[in-house]
């Protein structure tokens, strides 16, 4: 395996990492950056628990090689709560969309990406945004409700 030096911005902080060519973005985030809010579930991109935002877009970090993230801006669940809970995080709590919490970081980031591009999504748009995220505890109604609550809050705030 060859080593590569990459520069990334994770949650607003620039950092340089030495990675192997086979290292995933998930391993960089969890093992090298020490940010364990991003969960490791399936390693095949099927569960969505490892979702992070790369340049504002949701990505299954278990499928992306760390070297592909060179120069990217990465947002993990820890990056949303730097100044208190983000409205999407609070909405998940308010709607009771958090049970065991394993899928929650990926769901929250997928919802944030949706609401960044569409402040007033339809139910179908919400369902498409969380498609590929598996939740075994809440079902999806409370998650959809959470996205609607967050949408309303963001529209009220004008942010």
N, C-alpha and C. Protein backbone atom coordinates (compact mmCIF):
# COMPACT_ATOMS: atom_id res chain seq x y z
N UNK A 1 0.84 -1.18 0.00
CA UNK A 1 0.00 0.00 0.00
C UNK A 1 0.88 1.24 0.00
N UNK A 2 0.46 2.18 -0.78
CA UNK A 2 1.23 3.41 -0.81
C UNK A 2 0.61 4.44 0.12
N UNK A 3 1.46 5.29 0.65
CA UNK A 3 1.03 6.36 1.55
C UNK A 3 0.81 7.63 0.75
N UNK A 4 -0.18 8.41 1.21
CA UNK A 4 -0.50 9.68 0.58
C UNK A 4 -0.70 10.72 1.67
N UNK A 5 -0.25 11.91 1.42
CA UNK A 5 -0.51 13.03 2.32
C UNK A 5 -1.68 13.81 1.73
N UNK A 6 -2.74 13.98 2.53
CA UNK A 6 -3.90 14.73 2.05
C UNK A 6 -4.22 15.86 3.02
N UNK A 7 -4.83 16.90 2.48
CA UNK A 7 -5.32 18.03 3.27
C UNK A 7 -6.84 18.00 3.20
N UNK A 8 -7.48 18.08 4.36
CA UNK A 8 -8.94 18.16 4.41
C UNK A 8 -9.33 19.21 5.45
N UNK A 9 -10.53 19.68 5.31
CA UNK A 9 -11.11 20.57 6.31
C UNK A 9 -12.24 19.78 6.93
N UNK A 10 -12.10 19.45 8.19
CA UNK A 10 -13.14 18.71 8.90
C UNK A 10 -13.76 19.63 9.94
N UNK A 11 -15.04 19.88 9.77
CA UNK A 11 -15.80 20.72 10.70
C UNK A 11 -15.15 22.08 10.92
N UNK A 12 -14.60 22.64 9.84
CA UNK A 12 -14.04 23.98 9.91
C UNK A 12 -12.57 24.06 10.26
N UNK A 13 -11.93 22.92 10.49
CA UNK A 13 -10.50 22.91 10.84
C UNK A 13 -9.70 22.19 9.75
N UNK A 14 -8.69 22.88 9.24
CA UNK A 14 -7.81 22.27 8.25
C UNK A 14 -6.86 21.30 8.94
N UNK A 15 -6.61 20.18 8.29
CA UNK A 15 -5.69 19.20 8.83
C UNK A 15 -5.05 18.42 7.70
N UNK A 16 -3.84 17.96 7.94
CA UNK A 16 -3.13 17.12 7.00
C UNK A 16 -3.04 15.72 7.60
N UNK A 17 -3.30 14.72 6.78
CA UNK A 17 -3.27 13.33 7.24
C UNK A 17 -2.45 12.49 6.28
N UNK A 18 -1.78 11.51 6.83
CA UNK A 18 -1.07 10.50 6.06
C UNK A 18 -2.00 9.30 5.99
N UNK A 19 -2.38 8.90 4.77
CA UNK A 19 -3.33 7.80 4.61
C UNK A 19 -2.78 6.77 3.63
N UNK A 20 -3.22 5.55 3.80
CA UNK A 20 -2.93 4.51 2.83
C UNK A 20 -3.90 4.65 1.66
N UNK A 21 -3.53 4.14 0.53
CA UNK A 21 -4.38 4.25 -0.65
C UNK A 21 -5.71 3.52 -0.46
N UNK A 22 -5.78 2.56 0.45
CA UNK A 22 -7.02 1.81 0.67
C UNK A 22 -7.84 2.33 1.86
N UNK A 23 -7.36 3.34 2.58
CA UNK A 23 -8.10 3.88 3.72
C UNK A 23 -9.39 4.54 3.23
N UNK A 24 -10.47 4.30 3.94
CA UNK A 24 -11.73 4.96 3.62
C UNK A 24 -11.80 6.30 4.35
N UNK A 25 -12.69 7.13 3.87
CA UNK A 25 -12.94 8.39 4.57
C UNK A 25 -13.46 8.10 5.97
N UNK A 26 -14.26 7.06 6.12
CA UNK A 26 -14.76 6.68 7.44
C UNK A 26 -13.62 6.38 8.41
N UNK A 27 -12.62 5.63 7.96
CA UNK A 27 -11.49 5.32 8.86
C UNK A 27 -10.69 6.57 9.18
N UNK A 28 -10.56 7.47 8.22
CA UNK A 28 -9.86 8.72 8.50
C UNK A 28 -10.61 9.50 9.58
N UNK A 29 -11.92 9.62 9.43
CA UNK A 29 -12.72 10.40 10.38
C UNK A 29 -12.68 9.77 11.77
N UNK A 30 -12.91 8.48 11.86
CA UNK A 30 -13.00 7.82 13.16
C UNK A 30 -11.63 7.58 13.80
N UNK A 31 -10.69 7.06 13.03
CA UNK A 31 -9.42 6.62 13.61
C UNK A 31 -8.36 7.71 13.64
N UNK A 32 -8.27 8.49 12.59
CA UNK A 32 -7.21 9.51 12.54
C UNK A 32 -7.67 10.83 13.14
N UNK A 33 -8.92 11.24 12.82
CA UNK A 33 -9.43 12.50 13.36
C UNK A 33 -10.08 12.32 14.73
N UNK A 34 -10.39 11.07 15.11
CA UNK A 34 -10.96 10.80 16.42
C UNK A 34 -12.40 11.24 16.60
N UNK A 35 -13.13 11.36 15.51
CA UNK A 35 -14.53 11.79 15.56
C UNK A 35 -15.42 10.56 15.41
N UNK A 36 -15.92 10.07 16.52
CA UNK A 36 -16.64 8.80 16.51
C UNK A 36 -18.15 8.94 16.39
N UNK A 37 -18.64 10.15 16.16
CA UNK A 37 -20.08 10.32 15.93
C UNK A 37 -20.52 9.70 14.62
N UNK A 38 -19.62 9.63 13.66
CA UNK A 38 -19.90 8.96 12.39
C UNK A 38 -19.80 7.46 12.66
N UNK A 39 -20.88 6.76 12.42
CA UNK A 39 -20.96 5.34 12.79
C UNK A 39 -20.49 4.43 11.67
N UNK A 40 -19.94 3.29 12.07
CA UNK A 40 -19.52 2.26 11.12
C UNK A 40 -20.52 1.13 11.22
N UNK A 41 -21.30 0.96 10.15
CA UNK A 41 -22.34 -0.06 10.16
C UNK A 41 -22.04 -1.21 9.24
N UNK A 42 -22.27 -1.00 7.95
CA UNK A 42 -22.24 -2.13 7.01
C UNK A 42 -20.97 -2.23 6.17
N UNK A 43 -20.26 -1.16 5.97
CA UNK A 43 -19.08 -1.11 5.09
C UNK A 43 -19.40 -1.38 3.63
N UNK A 44 -20.68 -1.35 3.27
CA UNK A 44 -21.07 -1.55 1.87
C UNK A 44 -21.98 -0.44 1.36
N UNK A 45 -22.17 0.61 2.14
CA UNK A 45 -23.00 1.74 1.72
C UNK A 45 -24.48 1.48 1.77
N UNK A 46 -24.92 0.44 2.45
CA UNK A 46 -26.33 0.09 2.47
C UNK A 46 -27.10 0.68 3.64
N UNK A 47 -26.43 1.00 4.76
CA UNK A 47 -27.17 1.42 5.95
C UNK A 47 -27.22 2.92 6.14
N UNK A 48 -26.26 3.67 5.61
CA UNK A 48 -26.27 5.12 5.73
C UNK A 48 -25.76 5.66 7.04
N UNK A 49 -25.38 4.80 7.98
CA UNK A 49 -24.95 5.30 9.30
C UNK A 49 -23.63 6.07 9.24
N UNK A 50 -22.87 5.91 8.18
CA UNK A 50 -21.58 6.58 8.05
C UNK A 50 -21.66 7.87 7.24
N UNK A 51 -22.89 8.33 6.95
CA UNK A 51 -23.05 9.51 6.10
C UNK A 51 -22.42 10.74 6.73
N UNK A 52 -21.64 11.45 5.92
CA UNK A 52 -21.08 12.75 6.25
C UNK A 52 -21.34 13.65 5.05
N UNK A 53 -21.10 14.94 5.23
CA UNK A 53 -21.23 15.86 4.10
C UNK A 53 -19.84 16.15 3.57
N UNK A 54 -19.66 15.96 2.29
CA UNK A 54 -18.41 16.28 1.60
C UNK A 54 -18.75 17.39 0.62
N UNK A 55 -18.18 18.55 0.88
CA UNK A 55 -18.50 19.74 0.08
C UNK A 55 -20.02 19.96 0.02
N UNK A 56 -20.68 19.71 1.15
CA UNK A 56 -22.11 19.95 1.28
C UNK A 56 -23.03 18.85 0.80
N UNK A 57 -22.48 17.78 0.23
CA UNK A 57 -23.29 16.69 -0.31
C UNK A 57 -23.16 15.45 0.58
N UNK A 58 -24.27 14.73 0.83
CA UNK A 58 -24.18 13.52 1.65
C UNK A 58 -23.42 12.41 0.92
N UNK A 59 -22.51 11.78 1.65
CA UNK A 59 -21.66 10.72 1.10
C UNK A 59 -21.58 9.60 2.13
N UNK A 60 -21.65 8.37 1.66
CA UNK A 60 -21.37 7.22 2.53
C UNK A 60 -19.86 7.14 2.68
N UNK A 61 -19.37 7.52 3.84
CA UNK A 61 -17.91 7.60 4.04
C UNK A 61 -17.24 6.24 4.04
N UNK A 62 -18.00 5.16 4.16
CA UNK A 62 -17.40 3.82 4.09
C UNK A 62 -17.05 3.45 2.66
N UNK A 63 -17.64 4.16 1.69
CA UNK A 63 -17.40 3.86 0.28
C UNK A 63 -16.40 4.79 -0.38
N UNK A 64 -16.12 5.91 0.25
CA UNK A 64 -15.22 6.90 -0.34
C UNK A 64 -13.82 6.71 0.20
N UNK A 65 -12.86 6.67 -0.68
CA UNK A 65 -11.47 6.57 -0.24
C UNK A 65 -11.02 7.90 0.33
N UNK A 66 -10.21 7.85 1.35
CA UNK A 66 -9.71 9.07 1.99
C UNK A 66 -8.97 9.94 0.98
N UNK A 67 -8.21 9.33 0.08
CA UNK A 67 -7.46 10.12 -0.91
C UNK A 67 -8.39 10.91 -1.82
N UNK A 68 -9.62 10.43 -2.02
CA UNK A 68 -10.59 11.16 -2.84
C UNK A 68 -11.08 12.42 -2.14
N UNK A 69 -10.89 12.51 -0.84
CA UNK A 69 -11.34 13.67 -0.07
C UNK A 69 -10.29 14.76 0.01
N UNK A 70 -9.14 14.56 -0.62
CA UNK A 70 -8.08 15.56 -0.59
C UNK A 70 -8.63 16.91 -1.05
N UNK A 71 -8.48 17.93 -0.21
CA UNK A 71 -8.95 19.27 -0.52
C UNK A 71 -10.42 19.52 -0.21
N UNK A 72 -11.12 18.53 0.30
CA UNK A 72 -12.56 18.64 0.54
C UNK A 72 -12.87 19.26 1.90
N UNK A 73 -14.07 19.80 1.97
CA UNK A 73 -14.64 20.26 3.23
C UNK A 73 -15.60 19.18 3.70
N UNK A 74 -15.34 18.65 4.88
CA UNK A 74 -16.12 17.54 5.42
C UNK A 74 -16.85 18.01 6.67
N UNK A 75 -18.12 17.68 6.74
CA UNK A 75 -18.90 17.98 7.94
C UNK A 75 -19.38 16.68 8.53
N UNK A 76 -19.06 16.46 9.80
CA UNK A 76 -19.55 15.30 10.54
C UNK A 76 -20.62 15.79 11.51
N UNK A 77 -21.25 14.87 12.19
CA UNK A 77 -22.29 15.24 13.15
C UNK A 77 -21.74 16.17 14.22
N UNK A 78 -20.47 16.00 14.59
CA UNK A 78 -19.87 16.87 15.61
C UNK A 78 -19.78 18.32 15.13
N UNK A 79 -19.68 18.50 13.83
CA UNK A 79 -19.56 19.84 13.26
C UNK A 79 -20.85 20.63 13.27
N UNK A 80 -21.98 19.98 13.49
CA UNK A 80 -23.25 20.70 13.50
C UNK A 80 -23.53 21.37 14.84
N UNK A 81 -22.95 20.85 15.90
CA UNK A 81 -23.33 21.33 17.24
C UNK A 81 -22.25 22.18 17.90
N UNK A 82 -21.44 22.85 17.11
CA UNK A 82 -20.37 23.67 17.68
C UNK A 82 -20.93 24.79 18.57
N UNK A 83 -22.10 25.33 18.21
CA UNK A 83 -22.70 26.42 18.98
C UNK A 83 -24.08 26.03 19.49
N UNK A 84 -24.20 24.89 20.10
CA UNK A 84 -25.50 24.37 20.52
C UNK A 84 -26.05 23.47 19.43
N UNK A 85 -27.16 22.84 19.70
CA UNK A 85 -27.74 21.91 18.74
C UNK A 85 -28.21 22.64 17.49
N UNK A 86 -27.94 22.06 16.35
CA UNK A 86 -28.44 22.55 15.07
C UNK A 86 -29.96 22.31 15.06
N UNK A 87 -30.73 23.14 14.38
CA UNK A 87 -32.18 22.93 14.33
C UNK A 87 -32.60 21.52 13.87
N UNK A 88 -31.83 20.91 13.00
CA UNK A 88 -32.18 19.54 12.57
C UNK A 88 -31.97 18.58 13.74
N UNK A 89 -30.88 18.74 14.49
CA UNK A 89 -30.66 17.87 15.65
C UNK A 89 -31.78 18.05 16.68
N UNK A 90 -32.13 19.30 16.97
CA UNK A 90 -33.19 19.58 17.94
C UNK A 90 -34.52 19.01 17.47
N UNK A 91 -34.80 19.10 16.18
CA UNK A 91 -36.04 18.57 15.64
C UNK A 91 -36.12 17.05 15.80
N UNK A 92 -35.00 16.37 15.64
CA UNK A 92 -35.00 14.92 15.84
C UNK A 92 -35.36 14.58 17.29
N UNK A 93 -34.87 15.37 18.22
CA UNK A 93 -35.21 15.16 19.63
C UNK A 93 -36.69 15.46 19.85
N UNK A 94 -37.13 16.62 19.35
CA UNK A 94 -38.52 17.04 19.55
C UNK A 94 -39.53 16.06 18.96
N UNK A 95 -39.20 15.46 17.84
CA UNK A 95 -40.12 14.52 17.17
C UNK A 95 -40.01 13.10 17.73
N UNK A 96 -39.08 12.86 18.63
CA UNK A 96 -38.89 11.50 19.14
C UNK A 96 -38.30 10.59 18.10
N UNK A 97 -37.49 11.16 17.19
CA UNK A 97 -36.91 10.39 16.09
C UNK A 97 -35.57 9.78 16.46
N UNK A 98 -35.26 9.78 17.75
CA UNK A 98 -33.99 9.22 18.22
C UNK A 98 -34.33 8.08 19.18
N UNK A 99 -33.92 6.91 18.83
CA UNK A 99 -34.12 5.76 19.72
C UNK A 99 -32.74 5.28 20.17
N UNK A 100 -32.20 4.29 19.49
CA UNK A 100 -30.87 3.82 19.88
C UNK A 100 -29.80 4.82 19.47
N UNK A 101 -30.08 5.61 18.44
CA UNK A 101 -29.17 6.66 18.01
C UNK A 101 -28.13 6.26 16.99
N UNK A 102 -28.07 4.99 16.63
CA UNK A 102 -27.02 4.55 15.73
C UNK A 102 -27.16 5.16 14.33
N UNK A 103 -28.35 5.24 13.82
CA UNK A 103 -28.56 5.80 12.48
C UNK A 103 -28.67 7.32 12.49
N UNK A 104 -28.85 7.89 13.67
CA UNK A 104 -29.18 9.31 13.79
C UNK A 104 -28.16 10.25 13.15
N UNK A 105 -26.85 10.09 13.38
CA UNK A 105 -25.92 11.04 12.75
C UNK A 105 -26.04 11.09 11.23
N UNK A 106 -26.15 9.94 10.60
CA UNK A 106 -26.29 9.90 9.15
C UNK A 106 -27.60 10.49 8.69
N UNK A 107 -28.68 10.19 9.39
CA UNK A 107 -29.99 10.74 9.05
C UNK A 107 -30.00 12.26 9.20
N UNK A 108 -29.43 12.75 10.29
CA UNK A 108 -29.40 14.20 10.53
C UNK A 108 -28.63 14.90 9.42
N UNK A 109 -27.50 14.35 9.03
CA UNK A 109 -26.70 14.99 7.97
C UNK A 109 -27.40 14.92 6.62
N UNK A 110 -28.09 13.82 6.33
CA UNK A 110 -28.86 13.74 5.09
C UNK A 110 -29.98 14.77 5.10
N UNK A 111 -30.64 14.92 6.24
CA UNK A 111 -31.71 15.92 6.37
C UNK A 111 -31.15 17.33 6.23
N UNK A 112 -30.01 17.60 6.82
CA UNK A 112 -29.40 18.92 6.70
C UNK A 112 -29.07 19.24 5.25
N UNK A 113 -28.51 18.28 4.54
CA UNK A 113 -28.18 18.50 3.13
C UNK A 113 -29.45 18.80 2.33
N UNK A 114 -30.52 18.07 2.59
CA UNK A 114 -31.78 18.33 1.91
C UNK A 114 -32.26 19.75 2.21
N UNK A 115 -32.28 20.12 3.48
CA UNK A 115 -32.81 21.42 3.87
C UNK A 115 -31.90 22.57 3.45
N UNK A 116 -30.63 22.29 3.24
CA UNK A 116 -29.73 23.32 2.70
C UNK A 116 -30.11 23.67 1.26
N UNK A 117 -30.62 22.68 0.54
CA UNK A 117 -30.97 22.92 -0.87
C UNK A 117 -32.46 23.15 -1.09
N UNK A 118 -33.28 22.76 -0.12
CA UNK A 118 -34.74 22.88 -0.26
C UNK A 118 -35.33 23.08 1.13
N UNK A 119 -35.65 24.31 1.47
CA UNK A 119 -36.15 24.63 2.81
C UNK A 119 -37.55 24.11 3.09
N UNK A 120 -38.28 23.74 2.05
CA UNK A 120 -39.65 23.29 2.24
C UNK A 120 -39.93 22.03 1.42
N UNK A 121 -39.28 20.93 1.78
CA UNK A 121 -39.44 19.70 0.99
C UNK A 121 -40.78 19.01 1.22
N UNK A 122 -41.23 18.32 0.20
CA UNK A 122 -42.44 17.49 0.30
C UNK A 122 -42.07 16.20 1.03
N UNK A 123 -43.09 15.45 1.42
CA UNK A 123 -42.85 14.15 2.05
C UNK A 123 -42.03 13.25 1.13
N UNK A 124 -42.36 13.25 -0.16
CA UNK A 124 -41.62 12.41 -1.11
C UNK A 124 -40.17 12.83 -1.21
N UNK A 125 -39.90 14.13 -1.18
CA UNK A 125 -38.51 14.61 -1.23
C UNK A 125 -37.75 14.21 0.03
N UNK A 126 -38.42 14.27 1.17
CA UNK A 126 -37.79 13.83 2.42
C UNK A 126 -37.48 12.34 2.35
N UNK A 127 -38.45 11.56 1.88
CA UNK A 127 -38.24 10.11 1.76
C UNK A 127 -37.07 9.79 0.84
N UNK A 128 -36.95 10.52 -0.27
CA UNK A 128 -35.82 10.29 -1.18
C UNK A 128 -34.50 10.65 -0.51
N UNK A 129 -34.49 11.72 0.29
CA UNK A 129 -33.26 12.16 0.95
C UNK A 129 -32.77 11.16 1.99
N UNK A 130 -33.69 10.46 2.62
CA UNK A 130 -33.28 9.48 3.64
C UNK A 130 -33.30 8.05 3.12
N UNK A 131 -33.61 7.89 1.85
CA UNK A 131 -33.55 6.57 1.23
C UNK A 131 -32.12 6.06 1.35
N UNK A 132 -31.96 4.84 1.74
CA UNK A 132 -30.60 4.32 1.93
C UNK A 132 -30.11 4.45 3.36
N UNK A 133 -30.95 4.99 4.24
CA UNK A 133 -30.62 5.06 5.66
C UNK A 133 -31.54 4.10 6.39
N UNK A 134 -30.96 3.14 7.03
CA UNK A 134 -31.76 2.14 7.73
C UNK A 134 -31.94 2.51 9.20
N UNK A 135 -33.18 2.45 9.64
CA UNK A 135 -33.50 2.68 11.05
C UNK A 135 -34.35 1.51 11.50
N UNK A 136 -33.89 0.83 12.52
CA UNK A 136 -34.62 -0.33 13.00
C UNK A 136 -35.48 -0.01 14.22
N UNK A 137 -35.34 1.17 14.77
CA UNK A 137 -36.03 1.49 16.02
C UNK A 137 -37.28 2.34 15.85
N UNK A 138 -37.17 3.46 15.12
CA UNK A 138 -38.27 4.42 15.10
C UNK A 138 -39.23 4.20 13.96
N UNK A 139 -38.84 3.46 12.94
CA UNK A 139 -39.60 3.52 11.71
C UNK A 139 -39.22 4.83 11.07
N UNK A 140 -39.96 5.29 10.13
CA UNK A 140 -39.54 6.50 9.43
C UNK A 140 -40.49 7.67 9.63
N UNK A 141 -41.67 7.45 10.18
CA UNK A 141 -42.62 8.53 10.36
C UNK A 141 -42.05 9.64 11.24
N UNK A 142 -41.46 9.28 12.36
CA UNK A 142 -40.91 10.29 13.27
C UNK A 142 -39.73 11.03 12.63
N UNK A 143 -38.99 10.35 11.80
CA UNK A 143 -37.86 10.98 11.10
C UNK A 143 -38.39 12.00 10.09
N UNK A 144 -39.41 11.61 9.35
CA UNK A 144 -40.02 12.54 8.40
C UNK A 144 -40.61 13.73 9.15
N UNK A 145 -41.27 13.46 10.28
CA UNK A 145 -41.80 14.55 11.10
C UNK A 145 -40.68 15.48 11.56
N UNK A 146 -39.55 14.92 11.94
CA UNK A 146 -38.41 15.73 12.40
C UNK A 146 -37.91 16.66 11.30
N UNK A 147 -37.84 16.15 10.08
CA UNK A 147 -37.38 16.99 8.97
C UNK A 147 -38.38 18.13 8.73
N UNK A 148 -39.67 17.84 8.86
CA UNK A 148 -40.69 18.88 8.70
C UNK A 148 -40.57 19.94 9.80
N UNK A 149 -40.33 19.51 11.03
CA UNK A 149 -40.14 20.44 12.15
C UNK A 149 -38.92 21.32 11.89
N UNK A 150 -37.83 20.71 11.46
CA UNK A 150 -36.61 21.47 11.18
C UNK A 150 -36.84 22.44 10.03
N UNK A 151 -37.57 22.02 9.02
CA UNK A 151 -37.88 22.89 7.89
C UNK A 151 -38.62 24.13 8.36
N UNK A 152 -39.64 23.91 9.18
CA UNK A 152 -40.43 25.03 9.70
C UNK A 152 -39.56 25.96 10.52
N UNK A 153 -38.72 25.41 11.38
CA UNK A 153 -37.85 26.23 12.23
C UNK A 153 -36.86 27.05 11.38
N UNK A 154 -36.27 26.44 10.39
CA UNK A 154 -35.32 27.14 9.52
C UNK A 154 -36.01 28.23 8.71
N UNK A 155 -37.23 27.96 8.26
CA UNK A 155 -37.98 28.97 7.52
C UNK A 155 -38.34 30.16 8.43
N UNK A 156 -38.72 29.86 9.67
CA UNK A 156 -39.03 30.91 10.63
C UNK A 156 -37.82 31.78 10.94
N UNK A 157 -36.67 31.12 11.06
CA UNK A 157 -35.43 31.84 11.36
C UNK A 157 -34.90 32.60 10.15
N UNK A 158 -35.38 32.21 8.97
CA UNK A 158 -34.88 32.83 7.75
C UNK A 158 -33.44 32.46 7.45
N UNK A 159 -33.02 31.30 7.96
CA UNK A 159 -31.63 30.85 7.70
C UNK A 159 -31.59 29.72 6.73
